[in-house]
């Protein structure tokens, strides 16, 4: 177990599923949009991926740069940038995969959500994969307290911007993407819902 922990870190199980199915392969250029301290990057850094990250927290970027320096010293520190997802300075269409794990539900409102989403999608190459885990109302409709727009207070006391199936399907069409997997939602002990949204960017 300790060896698995060292190899994969605290990777999201649904991102691990994408690895198992070969959608992420060594040598790919991967951007983690909202990377935090790099919980999803340990295996990628160890395994020859060209890894990039962006996060608005200076402490998070310092931590992920230290992680990268230890596991992939060939990567420049500039690959990891202290910037907001919606205003990141990475060039358009440069990444084979863009990851957004538990990030978009911190949007303040619709405009902020769409700006963060566009910040992710803009960096993705045609033919690339956008992997997103986001809080939703799917499976627990009507059970959360609205506090303005799509922001809700969940039953665990946290506040999140919640998507639903219709919104995600509509956004997939508007982006010109295609679902690579059906939407998959986990209900966490009747308190909150997390949906996995995996979209391919058409060439």
N, C-alpha and C. Protein backbone atom coordinates (compact mmCIF):
# COMPACT_ATOMS: atom_id res chain seq x y z
N UNK A 1 0.82 -1.21 0.00
CA UNK A 1 0.00 0.00 0.00
C UNK A 1 0.86 1.26 0.00
N UNK A 2 1.93 1.26 0.78
CA UNK A 2 2.82 2.42 0.85
C UNK A 2 3.44 2.68 -0.52
N UNK A 3 3.76 1.61 -1.25
CA UNK A 3 4.36 1.78 -2.58
C UNK A 3 3.37 2.42 -3.55
N UNK A 4 2.10 2.00 -3.48
CA UNK A 4 1.08 2.61 -4.33
C UNK A 4 0.91 4.08 -4.00
N UNK A 5 0.89 4.40 -2.71
CA UNK A 5 0.77 5.78 -2.27
C UNK A 5 1.93 6.62 -2.80
N UNK A 6 3.12 6.07 -2.76
CA UNK A 6 4.29 6.80 -3.24
C UNK A 6 4.22 7.00 -4.74
N UNK A 7 3.75 5.99 -5.47
CA UNK A 7 3.72 6.08 -6.93
C UNK A 7 2.63 7.01 -7.44
N UNK A 8 1.45 6.96 -6.80
CA UNK A 8 0.29 7.67 -7.33
C UNK A 8 -0.15 8.86 -6.48
N UNK A 9 0.38 9.01 -5.28
CA UNK A 9 -0.07 10.09 -4.41
C UNK A 9 -1.53 9.93 -4.07
N UNK A 10 -2.25 11.04 -3.98
CA UNK A 10 -3.67 11.02 -3.62
C UNK A 10 -4.52 11.31 -4.86
N UNK A 11 -4.19 10.63 -5.96
CA UNK A 11 -4.86 10.87 -7.23
C UNK A 11 -6.35 10.61 -7.13
N UNK A 12 -7.14 11.45 -7.79
CA UNK A 12 -8.58 11.25 -7.88
C UNK A 12 -8.84 9.91 -8.57
N UNK A 13 -9.71 9.08 -7.99
CA UNK A 13 -9.95 7.74 -8.52
C UNK A 13 -10.50 7.78 -9.94
N UNK A 14 -11.25 8.83 -10.28
CA UNK A 14 -11.80 8.92 -11.62
C UNK A 14 -10.74 9.36 -12.64
N UNK A 15 -9.74 10.09 -12.19
CA UNK A 15 -8.61 10.39 -13.06
C UNK A 15 -7.76 9.14 -13.23
N UNK A 16 -7.59 8.36 -12.17
CA UNK A 16 -6.89 7.08 -12.26
C UNK A 16 -7.55 6.18 -13.31
N UNK A 17 -8.87 6.21 -13.38
CA UNK A 17 -9.61 5.45 -14.39
C UNK A 17 -9.20 5.86 -15.80
N UNK A 18 -8.99 7.16 -16.03
CA UNK A 18 -8.55 7.62 -17.36
C UNK A 18 -7.14 7.09 -17.68
N UNK A 19 -6.29 7.01 -16.68
CA UNK A 19 -4.96 6.41 -16.86
C UNK A 19 -5.08 4.95 -17.27
N UNK A 20 -5.92 4.21 -16.56
CA UNK A 20 -6.08 2.78 -16.84
C UNK A 20 -6.58 2.53 -18.25
N UNK A 21 -7.38 3.46 -18.77
CA UNK A 21 -7.94 3.29 -20.11
C UNK A 21 -7.06 3.88 -21.21
N UNK A 22 -5.89 4.37 -20.84
CA UNK A 22 -4.93 4.81 -21.84
C UNK A 22 -5.19 6.17 -22.42
N UNK A 23 -6.06 6.95 -21.80
CA UNK A 23 -6.32 8.29 -22.33
C UNK A 23 -5.25 9.30 -21.92
N UNK A 24 -4.46 8.95 -20.92
CA UNK A 24 -3.29 9.73 -20.53
C UNK A 24 -2.08 8.82 -20.69
N UNK A 25 -1.11 9.27 -21.50
CA UNK A 25 0.05 8.43 -21.80
C UNK A 25 1.34 9.23 -21.62
N UNK A 26 2.40 8.57 -21.17
CA UNK A 26 3.68 9.26 -20.99
C UNK A 26 4.08 10.02 -22.24
N UNK A 27 4.63 11.21 -22.01
CA UNK A 27 5.01 12.09 -23.11
C UNK A 27 3.97 13.14 -23.42
N UNK A 28 2.73 12.92 -22.97
CA UNK A 28 1.68 13.91 -23.20
C UNK A 28 1.96 15.19 -22.41
N UNK A 29 1.45 16.28 -22.93
CA UNK A 29 1.50 17.57 -22.25
C UNK A 29 0.19 17.75 -21.50
N UNK A 30 0.26 17.85 -20.17
CA UNK A 30 -0.94 17.89 -19.32
C UNK A 30 -0.92 19.18 -18.50
N UNK A 31 -2.02 19.92 -18.56
CA UNK A 31 -2.21 21.12 -17.77
C UNK A 31 -3.22 20.85 -16.67
N UNK A 32 -2.82 21.04 -15.42
CA UNK A 32 -3.73 20.93 -14.29
C UNK A 32 -4.18 22.34 -13.92
N UNK A 33 -5.43 22.65 -14.26
CA UNK A 33 -5.98 23.99 -14.06
C UNK A 33 -6.64 24.07 -12.68
N UNK A 34 -5.91 24.63 -11.73
CA UNK A 34 -6.34 24.61 -10.34
C UNK A 34 -5.65 23.44 -9.65
N UNK A 35 -4.33 23.40 -9.81
CA UNK A 35 -3.55 22.21 -9.43
C UNK A 35 -3.39 22.03 -7.93
N UNK A 36 -3.65 23.08 -7.15
CA UNK A 36 -3.38 22.97 -5.72
C UNK A 36 -1.93 22.61 -5.49
N UNK A 37 -1.68 21.74 -4.52
CA UNK A 37 -0.30 21.35 -4.21
C UNK A 37 0.16 20.14 -5.02
N UNK A 38 -0.68 19.71 -5.99
CA UNK A 38 -0.25 18.66 -6.92
C UNK A 38 -0.73 17.26 -6.60
N UNK A 39 -1.85 17.14 -5.90
CA UNK A 39 -2.31 15.81 -5.49
C UNK A 39 -2.55 14.87 -6.68
N UNK A 40 -2.93 15.43 -7.85
CA UNK A 40 -3.18 14.58 -9.01
C UNK A 40 -1.98 14.45 -9.95
N UNK A 41 -0.84 15.00 -9.55
CA UNK A 41 0.29 15.07 -10.48
C UNK A 41 1.43 14.14 -10.14
N UNK A 42 1.39 13.46 -9.00
CA UNK A 42 2.53 12.65 -8.56
C UNK A 42 2.90 11.61 -9.61
N UNK A 43 1.95 10.81 -10.07
CA UNK A 43 2.25 9.78 -11.06
C UNK A 43 2.72 10.40 -12.38
N UNK A 44 2.06 11.47 -12.80
CA UNK A 44 2.42 12.11 -14.07
C UNK A 44 3.85 12.63 -14.03
N UNK A 45 4.23 13.24 -12.92
CA UNK A 45 5.59 13.76 -12.78
C UNK A 45 6.61 12.62 -12.77
N UNK A 46 6.26 11.51 -12.16
CA UNK A 46 7.17 10.37 -12.09
C UNK A 46 7.34 9.66 -13.43
N UNK A 47 6.36 9.83 -14.33
CA UNK A 47 6.25 8.91 -15.47
C UNK A 47 6.50 9.54 -16.82
N UNK A 48 7.13 10.71 -16.84
CA UNK A 48 7.57 11.26 -18.12
C UNK A 48 6.55 12.11 -18.85
N UNK A 49 5.53 12.56 -18.15
CA UNK A 49 4.60 13.50 -18.76
C UNK A 49 5.21 14.91 -18.72
N UNK A 50 4.79 15.74 -19.66
CA UNK A 50 5.20 17.15 -19.64
C UNK A 50 4.09 17.90 -18.88
N UNK A 51 4.36 18.19 -17.63
CA UNK A 51 3.30 18.65 -16.72
C UNK A 51 3.38 20.16 -16.52
N UNK A 52 2.19 20.78 -16.51
CA UNK A 52 2.03 22.20 -16.26
C UNK A 52 0.92 22.38 -15.23
N UNK A 53 0.95 23.47 -14.50
CA UNK A 53 -0.10 23.73 -13.53
C UNK A 53 -0.31 25.21 -13.32
N UNK A 54 -1.53 25.55 -12.93
CA UNK A 54 -1.85 26.93 -12.61
C UNK A 54 -2.76 26.91 -11.38
N UNK A 55 -2.55 27.86 -10.47
CA UNK A 55 -3.38 27.96 -9.28
C UNK A 55 -3.27 29.38 -8.72
N UNK A 56 -4.38 29.93 -8.20
CA UNK A 56 -4.32 31.29 -7.66
C UNK A 56 -3.64 31.39 -6.30
N UNK A 57 -3.32 30.26 -5.68
CA UNK A 57 -2.69 30.28 -4.35
C UNK A 57 -1.17 30.24 -4.47
N UNK A 58 -0.46 31.27 -3.98
CA UNK A 58 1.02 31.23 -4.01
C UNK A 58 1.58 30.04 -3.25
N UNK A 59 0.96 29.70 -2.11
CA UNK A 59 1.46 28.56 -1.33
C UNK A 59 1.32 27.26 -2.09
N UNK A 60 0.22 27.10 -2.81
CA UNK A 60 0.01 25.89 -3.60
C UNK A 60 1.06 25.77 -4.70
N UNK A 61 1.34 26.86 -5.38
CA UNK A 61 2.33 26.82 -6.46
C UNK A 61 3.72 26.55 -5.90
N UNK A 62 4.04 27.12 -4.76
CA UNK A 62 5.32 26.81 -4.13
C UNK A 62 5.43 25.32 -3.82
N UNK A 63 4.34 24.74 -3.32
CA UNK A 63 4.34 23.31 -2.98
C UNK A 63 4.46 22.44 -4.21
N UNK A 64 3.74 22.78 -5.28
CA UNK A 64 3.80 21.93 -6.47
C UNK A 64 5.14 22.08 -7.18
N UNK A 65 5.75 23.25 -7.11
CA UNK A 65 7.10 23.41 -7.67
C UNK A 65 8.11 22.55 -6.91
N UNK A 66 7.97 22.48 -5.60
CA UNK A 66 8.86 21.63 -4.80
C UNK A 66 8.65 20.16 -5.13
N UNK A 67 7.39 19.77 -5.32
CA UNK A 67 7.07 18.40 -5.71
C UNK A 67 7.70 18.07 -7.06
N UNK A 68 7.54 18.96 -8.02
CA UNK A 68 8.09 18.74 -9.36
C UNK A 68 9.62 18.70 -9.33
N UNK A 69 10.23 19.56 -8.53
CA UNK A 69 11.70 19.57 -8.45
C UNK A 69 12.22 18.24 -7.92
N UNK A 70 11.44 17.60 -7.07
CA UNK A 70 11.86 16.30 -6.51
C UNK A 70 11.60 15.15 -7.47
N UNK A 71 10.44 15.17 -8.15
CA UNK A 71 10.04 14.02 -8.97
C UNK A 71 10.39 14.17 -10.44
N UNK A 72 10.51 15.38 -10.94
CA UNK A 72 10.78 15.62 -12.36
C UNK A 72 11.65 16.86 -12.50
N UNK A 73 12.90 16.80 -12.03
CA UNK A 73 13.75 17.99 -11.98
C UNK A 73 14.04 18.60 -13.35
N UNK A 74 13.75 17.86 -14.41
CA UNK A 74 13.97 18.41 -15.76
C UNK A 74 12.93 19.46 -16.13
N UNK A 75 11.80 19.50 -15.42
CA UNK A 75 10.76 20.47 -15.75
C UNK A 75 11.09 21.84 -15.15
N UNK A 76 10.96 22.89 -15.94
CA UNK A 76 11.23 24.23 -15.40
C UNK A 76 10.17 24.66 -14.40
N UNK A 77 10.58 25.43 -13.40
CA UNK A 77 9.64 25.93 -12.40
C UNK A 77 8.53 26.76 -13.04
N UNK A 78 8.84 27.40 -14.18
CA UNK A 78 7.87 28.26 -14.86
C UNK A 78 6.68 27.47 -15.40
N UNK A 79 6.78 26.14 -15.43
CA UNK A 79 5.62 25.33 -15.83
C UNK A 79 4.46 25.47 -14.86
N UNK A 80 4.75 25.95 -13.65
CA UNK A 80 3.74 26.03 -12.59
C UNK A 80 3.58 27.50 -12.20
N UNK A 81 2.40 28.05 -12.47
CA UNK A 81 2.21 29.50 -12.41
C UNK A 81 1.14 29.90 -11.41
N UNK A 82 1.45 30.93 -10.67
CA UNK A 82 0.53 31.49 -9.69
C UNK A 82 -0.40 32.47 -10.41
N UNK A 83 -1.46 31.93 -10.99
CA UNK A 83 -2.40 32.70 -11.78
C UNK A 83 -3.81 32.12 -11.61
N UNK A 84 -4.84 32.93 -11.81
CA UNK A 84 -6.19 32.38 -11.80
C UNK A 84 -6.42 31.51 -13.04
N UNK A 85 -7.25 30.52 -12.88
CA UNK A 85 -7.55 29.63 -14.01
C UNK A 85 -8.07 30.42 -15.20
N UNK A 86 -8.97 31.38 -14.92
CA UNK A 86 -9.61 32.12 -16.00
C UNK A 86 -8.66 33.10 -16.68
N UNK A 87 -7.57 33.44 -16.04
CA UNK A 87 -6.62 34.40 -16.61
C UNK A 87 -5.23 33.81 -16.78
N UNK A 88 -5.15 32.51 -16.97
CA UNK A 88 -3.82 31.89 -17.07
C UNK A 88 -3.12 32.29 -18.37
N UNK A 89 -1.81 32.30 -18.33
CA UNK A 89 -1.00 32.81 -19.45
C UNK A 89 -0.46 31.71 -20.35
N UNK A 90 -0.93 30.50 -20.20
CA UNK A 90 -0.50 29.44 -21.12
C UNK A 90 -1.11 29.67 -22.49
N UNK A 91 -0.40 29.28 -23.54
CA UNK A 91 -0.89 29.57 -24.90
C UNK A 91 -2.10 28.72 -25.27
N UNK A 92 -2.84 29.17 -26.27
CA UNK A 92 -3.99 28.37 -26.74
C UNK A 92 -3.54 27.04 -27.33
N UNK A 93 -4.38 26.04 -27.14
CA UNK A 93 -4.25 24.74 -27.82
C UNK A 93 -2.85 24.14 -27.69
N UNK A 94 -2.32 24.12 -26.46
CA UNK A 94 -0.97 23.58 -26.28
C UNK A 94 -0.94 22.27 -25.51
N UNK A 95 -2.04 21.92 -24.83
CA UNK A 95 -2.04 20.74 -23.96
C UNK A 95 -2.84 19.60 -24.58
N UNK A 96 -2.34 18.38 -24.40
CA UNK A 96 -3.06 17.18 -24.85
C UNK A 96 -4.22 16.86 -23.91
N UNK A 97 -4.08 17.26 -22.65
CA UNK A 97 -5.14 17.05 -21.67
C UNK A 97 -5.15 18.20 -20.68
N UNK A 98 -6.34 18.61 -20.30
CA UNK A 98 -6.50 19.64 -19.26
C UNK A 98 -7.33 19.03 -18.14
N UNK A 99 -6.83 19.15 -16.93
CA UNK A 99 -7.50 18.61 -15.74
C UNK A 99 -8.11 19.74 -14.93
N UNK A 100 -9.32 19.52 -14.43
CA UNK A 100 -9.97 20.47 -13.54
C UNK A 100 -10.67 19.65 -12.46
N UNK A 101 -9.99 19.41 -11.36
CA UNK A 101 -10.52 18.52 -10.33
C UNK A 101 -10.94 19.33 -9.10
N UNK A 102 -12.27 19.40 -8.89
CA UNK A 102 -12.83 20.11 -7.75
C UNK A 102 -12.41 21.58 -7.72
N UNK A 103 -12.58 22.25 -8.87
CA UNK A 103 -12.18 23.65 -9.02
C UNK A 103 -13.36 24.53 -9.45
N UNK A 104 -14.07 24.13 -10.50
CA UNK A 104 -15.08 25.01 -11.10
C UNK A 104 -16.23 25.31 -10.14
N UNK A 105 -16.46 24.45 -9.15
CA UNK A 105 -17.59 24.72 -8.24
C UNK A 105 -17.29 25.82 -7.23
N UNK A 106 -16.08 26.39 -7.30
CA UNK A 106 -15.80 27.57 -6.47
C UNK A 106 -16.13 28.87 -7.20
N UNK A 107 -16.75 28.76 -8.37
CA UNK A 107 -17.15 29.96 -9.11
C UNK A 107 -18.08 30.84 -8.29
N UNK A 108 -17.90 32.14 -8.42
CA UNK A 108 -18.75 33.10 -7.69
C UNK A 108 -20.14 33.21 -8.31
N UNK A 109 -20.20 33.06 -9.65
CA UNK A 109 -21.46 33.23 -10.37
C UNK A 109 -21.29 32.62 -11.76
N UNK A 110 -22.33 32.78 -12.60
CA UNK A 110 -22.29 32.18 -13.94
C UNK A 110 -21.11 32.70 -14.76
N UNK A 111 -20.89 34.01 -14.71
CA UNK A 111 -19.82 34.60 -15.52
C UNK A 111 -18.46 34.06 -15.09
N UNK A 112 -18.24 33.92 -13.79
CA UNK A 112 -16.97 33.39 -13.30
C UNK A 112 -16.80 31.92 -13.69
N UNK A 113 -17.87 31.15 -13.58
CA UNK A 113 -17.81 29.74 -13.98
C UNK A 113 -17.41 29.62 -15.45
N UNK A 114 -18.09 30.38 -16.31
CA UNK A 114 -17.81 30.28 -17.75
C UNK A 114 -16.40 30.77 -18.08
N UNK A 115 -15.93 31.79 -17.36
CA UNK A 115 -14.58 32.29 -17.58
C UNK A 115 -13.55 31.22 -17.20
N UNK A 116 -13.75 30.54 -16.07
CA UNK A 116 -12.83 29.47 -15.69
C UNK A 116 -12.88 28.32 -16.67
N UNK A 117 -14.08 27.96 -17.11
CA UNK A 117 -14.21 26.88 -18.09
C UNK A 117 -13.48 27.23 -19.38
N UNK A 118 -13.65 28.46 -19.86
CA UNK A 118 -12.97 28.88 -21.08
C UNK A 118 -11.45 28.91 -20.88
N UNK A 119 -11.01 29.27 -19.66
CA UNK A 119 -9.59 29.25 -19.38
C UNK A 119 -9.00 27.86 -19.49
N UNK A 120 -9.80 26.85 -19.17
CA UNK A 120 -9.38 25.46 -19.34
C UNK A 120 -9.43 25.04 -20.81
N UNK A 121 -10.55 25.28 -21.44
CA UNK A 121 -10.81 24.78 -22.80
C UNK A 121 -9.87 25.43 -23.81
N UNK A 122 -9.56 26.69 -23.61
CA UNK A 122 -8.69 27.43 -24.54
C UNK A 122 -7.33 26.75 -24.69
N UNK A 123 -6.81 26.18 -23.61
CA UNK A 123 -5.48 25.58 -23.66
C UNK A 123 -5.43 24.18 -24.23
N UNK A 124 -6.58 23.61 -24.57
CA UNK A 124 -6.64 22.22 -25.01
C UNK A 124 -6.51 22.11 -26.53
N UNK A 125 -5.64 21.20 -26.96
CA UNK A 125 -5.48 20.94 -28.39
C UNK A 125 -6.72 20.26 -28.97
N UNK A 126 -7.00 20.48 -30.26
CA UNK A 126 -8.01 19.64 -30.92
C UNK A 126 -7.61 18.17 -30.78
N UNK A 127 -8.58 17.35 -30.47
CA UNK A 127 -8.30 15.95 -30.22
C UNK A 127 -7.94 15.65 -28.78
N UNK A 128 -7.81 16.69 -27.95
CA UNK A 128 -7.43 16.52 -26.56
C UNK A 128 -8.60 16.22 -25.64
N UNK A 129 -8.28 15.93 -24.38
CA UNK A 129 -9.28 15.55 -23.38
C UNK A 129 -9.34 16.56 -22.25
N UNK A 130 -10.56 16.99 -21.93
CA UNK A 130 -10.82 17.82 -20.76
C UNK A 130 -11.45 16.93 -19.70
N UNK A 131 -10.78 16.80 -18.56
CA UNK A 131 -11.27 15.99 -17.44
C UNK A 131 -11.69 16.93 -16.33
N UNK A 132 -12.95 16.83 -15.92
CA UNK A 132 -13.47 17.74 -14.90
C UNK A 132 -14.26 16.98 -13.85
N UNK A 133 -13.96 17.29 -12.58
CA UNK A 133 -14.77 16.83 -11.45
C UNK A 133 -15.36 18.08 -10.81
N UNK A 134 -16.68 18.10 -10.63
CA UNK A 134 -17.33 19.33 -10.19
C UNK A 134 -18.56 18.97 -9.35
N UNK A 135 -18.86 19.80 -8.37
CA UNK A 135 -20.07 19.60 -7.57
C UNK A 135 -21.31 19.82 -8.42
N UNK A 136 -22.32 19.01 -8.17
CA UNK A 136 -23.56 19.11 -8.95
C UNK A 136 -24.76 18.84 -8.05
N UNK A 137 -25.93 18.99 -8.65
CA UNK A 137 -27.18 18.65 -7.95
C UNK A 137 -27.73 17.32 -8.44
N UNK A 138 -27.02 16.64 -9.34
CA UNK A 138 -27.53 15.42 -9.98
C UNK A 138 -27.73 14.33 -8.92
N UNK A 139 -28.96 13.84 -8.83
CA UNK A 139 -29.28 12.80 -7.87
C UNK A 139 -29.79 13.32 -6.54
N UNK A 140 -29.63 14.62 -6.28
CA UNK A 140 -30.13 15.22 -5.04
C UNK A 140 -30.84 16.54 -5.34
N UNK A 141 -31.54 16.56 -6.46
CA UNK A 141 -32.21 17.78 -6.89
C UNK A 141 -33.18 18.28 -5.81
N UNK A 142 -33.13 19.60 -5.58
CA UNK A 142 -34.06 20.22 -4.64
C UNK A 142 -33.69 20.06 -3.18
N UNK A 143 -32.55 19.45 -2.89
CA UNK A 143 -32.19 19.19 -1.49
C UNK A 143 -31.17 20.19 -0.93
N UNK A 144 -30.72 21.12 -1.77
CA UNK A 144 -29.72 22.08 -1.31
C UNK A 144 -30.34 23.47 -1.24
N UNK A 145 -29.84 24.29 -0.33
CA UNK A 145 -30.40 25.63 -0.09
C UNK A 145 -29.81 26.63 -1.08
N UNK A 146 -30.64 27.23 -1.95
CA UNK A 146 -30.13 28.25 -2.87
C UNK A 146 -29.67 29.49 -2.10
N UNK A 147 -28.53 30.05 -2.51
CA UNK A 147 -28.07 31.29 -1.87
C UNK A 147 -27.76 32.36 -2.91
N UNK A 148 -28.19 32.12 -4.15
CA UNK A 148 -28.00 33.11 -5.21
C UNK A 148 -27.52 32.47 -6.49
N UNK A 149 -28.34 32.54 -7.55
CA UNK A 149 -27.97 31.93 -8.81
C UNK A 149 -27.82 30.41 -8.64
N UNK A 150 -26.71 29.90 -9.14
CA UNK A 150 -26.43 28.47 -9.00
C UNK A 150 -25.63 28.14 -7.75
N UNK A 151 -25.35 29.12 -6.92
CA UNK A 151 -24.65 28.84 -5.67
C UNK A 151 -25.64 28.32 -4.62
N UNK A 152 -25.21 27.28 -3.92
CA UNK A 152 -26.06 26.62 -2.94
C UNK A 152 -25.26 26.31 -1.68
N UNK A 153 -25.97 26.18 -0.59
CA UNK A 153 -25.39 25.65 0.64
C UNK A 153 -25.71 24.17 0.70
N UNK A 154 -24.66 23.34 0.77
CA UNK A 154 -24.85 21.89 0.77
C UNK A 154 -25.18 21.40 2.18
N UNK A 155 -25.55 20.14 2.27
CA UNK A 155 -25.93 19.58 3.55
C UNK A 155 -24.74 19.34 4.47
N UNK A 156 -23.52 19.44 3.94
CA UNK A 156 -22.33 19.37 4.80
C UNK A 156 -21.90 20.76 5.28
N UNK A 157 -22.69 21.79 4.93
CA UNK A 157 -22.43 23.15 5.38
C UNK A 157 -21.58 23.98 4.42
N UNK A 158 -20.98 23.35 3.41
CA UNK A 158 -20.15 24.09 2.46
C UNK A 158 -21.03 24.80 1.43
N UNK A 159 -20.44 25.78 0.73
CA UNK A 159 -21.15 26.51 -0.31
C UNK A 159 -20.47 26.26 -1.65
N UNK A 160 -21.25 25.92 -2.66
CA UNK A 160 -20.71 25.57 -3.97
C UNK A 160 -21.61 26.09 -5.08
N UNK A 161 -21.00 26.30 -6.23
CA UNK A 161 -21.72 26.55 -7.48
C UNK A 161 -22.05 25.18 -8.05
N UNK A 162 -23.33 24.89 -8.27
CA UNK A 162 -23.74 23.55 -8.68
C UNK A 162 -24.18 23.51 -10.14
N UNK A 163 -23.66 22.55 -10.87
CA UNK A 163 -24.10 22.28 -12.23
C UNK A 163 -25.16 21.19 -12.19
N UNK A 164 -25.81 20.96 -13.33
CA UNK A 164 -26.73 19.83 -13.46
C UNK A 164 -26.53 19.19 -14.83
N UNK A 165 -27.24 18.12 -15.09
CA UNK A 165 -27.03 17.38 -16.34
C UNK A 165 -27.32 18.24 -17.56
N UNK A 166 -28.43 18.95 -17.54
CA UNK A 166 -28.78 19.78 -18.69
C UNK A 166 -27.72 20.83 -18.99
N UNK A 167 -27.19 21.44 -17.95
CA UNK A 167 -26.15 22.45 -18.13
C UNK A 167 -24.90 21.84 -18.75
N UNK A 168 -24.46 20.69 -18.23
CA UNK A 168 -23.23 20.08 -18.75
C UNK A 168 -23.41 19.59 -20.19
N UNK A 169 -24.57 19.05 -20.51
CA UNK A 169 -24.79 18.62 -21.88
C UNK A 169 -24.83 19.82 -22.82
N UNK A 170 -25.47 20.91 -22.37
CA UNK A 170 -25.51 22.12 -23.19
C UNK A 170 -24.12 22.70 -23.40
N UNK A 171 -23.32 22.75 -22.34
CA UNK A 171 -21.96 23.27 -22.47
C UNK A 171 -21.11 22.40 -23.38
N UNK A 172 -21.30 21.10 -23.34
CA UNK A 172 -20.56 20.20 -24.23
C UNK A 172 -20.83 20.58 -25.68
N UNK A 173 -22.08 20.81 -26.01
CA UNK A 173 -22.44 21.21 -27.38
C UNK A 173 -21.88 22.59 -27.72
N UNK A 174 -22.01 23.56 -26.79
CA UNK A 174 -21.55 24.92 -27.06
C UNK A 174 -20.04 24.98 -27.26
N UNK A 175 -19.30 24.14 -26.54
CA UNK A 175 -17.85 24.11 -26.69
C UNK A 175 -17.42 23.44 -27.99
N UNK A 176 -18.35 22.74 -28.62
CA UNK A 176 -17.99 21.96 -29.80
C UNK A 176 -17.26 20.68 -29.42
N UNK A 177 -17.57 20.17 -28.24
CA UNK A 177 -16.93 18.95 -27.76
C UNK A 177 -17.84 17.75 -27.89
N UNK A 178 -17.34 16.61 -27.41
CA UNK A 178 -18.13 15.39 -27.38
C UNK A 178 -17.80 14.64 -26.09
N UNK A 179 -18.83 14.09 -25.46
CA UNK A 179 -18.59 13.33 -24.24
C UNK A 179 -17.76 12.08 -24.57
N UNK A 180 -16.68 11.89 -23.83
CA UNK A 180 -15.89 10.68 -23.97
C UNK A 180 -16.41 9.58 -23.06
N UNK A 181 -17.08 9.95 -22.00
CA UNK A 181 -17.74 9.03 -21.08
C UNK A 181 -19.11 9.60 -20.75
N UNK A 182 -20.08 8.76 -20.39
CA UNK A 182 -21.32 9.30 -19.84
C UNK A 182 -21.00 10.06 -18.55
N UNK A 183 -21.84 11.03 -18.22
CA UNK A 183 -21.68 11.72 -16.94
C UNK A 183 -21.80 10.70 -15.80
N UNK A 184 -20.91 10.81 -14.84
CA UNK A 184 -20.93 9.89 -13.69
C UNK A 184 -20.95 10.70 -12.42
N UNK A 185 -21.93 10.44 -11.56
CA UNK A 185 -22.10 11.23 -10.34
C UNK A 185 -22.01 10.34 -9.12
N UNK A 186 -21.24 10.78 -8.14
CA UNK A 186 -21.13 10.11 -6.85
C UNK A 186 -21.88 10.93 -5.81
N UNK A 187 -22.81 10.31 -5.10
CA UNK A 187 -23.49 10.97 -3.98
C UNK A 187 -22.75 10.58 -2.72
N UNK A 188 -22.25 11.59 -2.00
CA UNK A 188 -21.41 11.36 -0.83
C UNK A 188 -22.29 11.36 0.42
N UNK A 189 -22.75 10.19 0.78
CA UNK A 189 -23.51 9.95 2.02
C UNK A 189 -24.67 10.92 2.20
N UNK A 190 -25.37 11.22 1.10
CA UNK A 190 -26.53 12.08 1.18
C UNK A 190 -26.24 13.53 1.51
N UNK A 191 -24.96 13.95 1.38
CA UNK A 191 -24.57 15.31 1.76
C UNK A 191 -24.27 16.19 0.55
N UNK A 192 -23.66 15.61 -0.48
CA UNK A 192 -23.25 16.38 -1.66
C UNK A 192 -23.06 15.43 -2.82
N UNK A 193 -22.96 15.98 -4.01
CA UNK A 193 -22.79 15.20 -5.23
C UNK A 193 -21.58 15.71 -6.01
N UNK A 194 -20.79 14.79 -6.54
CA UNK A 194 -19.66 15.15 -7.39
C UNK A 194 -19.81 14.44 -8.73
N UNK A 195 -19.76 15.21 -9.81
CA UNK A 195 -19.96 14.67 -11.15
C UNK A 195 -18.65 14.71 -11.94
N UNK A 196 -18.38 13.63 -12.66
CA UNK A 196 -17.22 13.55 -13.55
C UNK A 196 -17.68 13.82 -14.97
N UNK A 197 -17.06 14.81 -15.60
CA UNK A 197 -17.41 15.29 -16.95
C UNK A 197 -16.16 15.20 -17.80
N UNK A 198 -16.14 14.31 -18.77
CA UNK A 198 -14.96 14.08 -19.60
C UNK A 198 -15.32 14.39 -21.05
N UNK A 199 -14.67 15.39 -21.61
CA UNK A 199 -15.05 15.93 -22.92
C UNK A 199 -13.85 15.92 -23.86
N UNK A 200 -14.07 15.44 -25.07
CA UNK A 200 -13.04 15.53 -26.10
C UNK A 200 -13.25 16.76 -26.95
N UNK A 201 -12.14 17.39 -27.35
CA UNK A 201 -12.19 18.58 -28.21
C UNK A 201 -12.07 18.13 -29.66
N UNK A 202 -13.10 18.38 -30.42
CA UNK A 202 -13.09 17.92 -31.81
C UNK A 202 -11.97 18.59 -32.60
N UNK A 203 -11.39 17.84 -33.52
CA UNK A 203 -10.31 18.36 -34.34
C UNK A 203 -10.81 19.31 -35.41
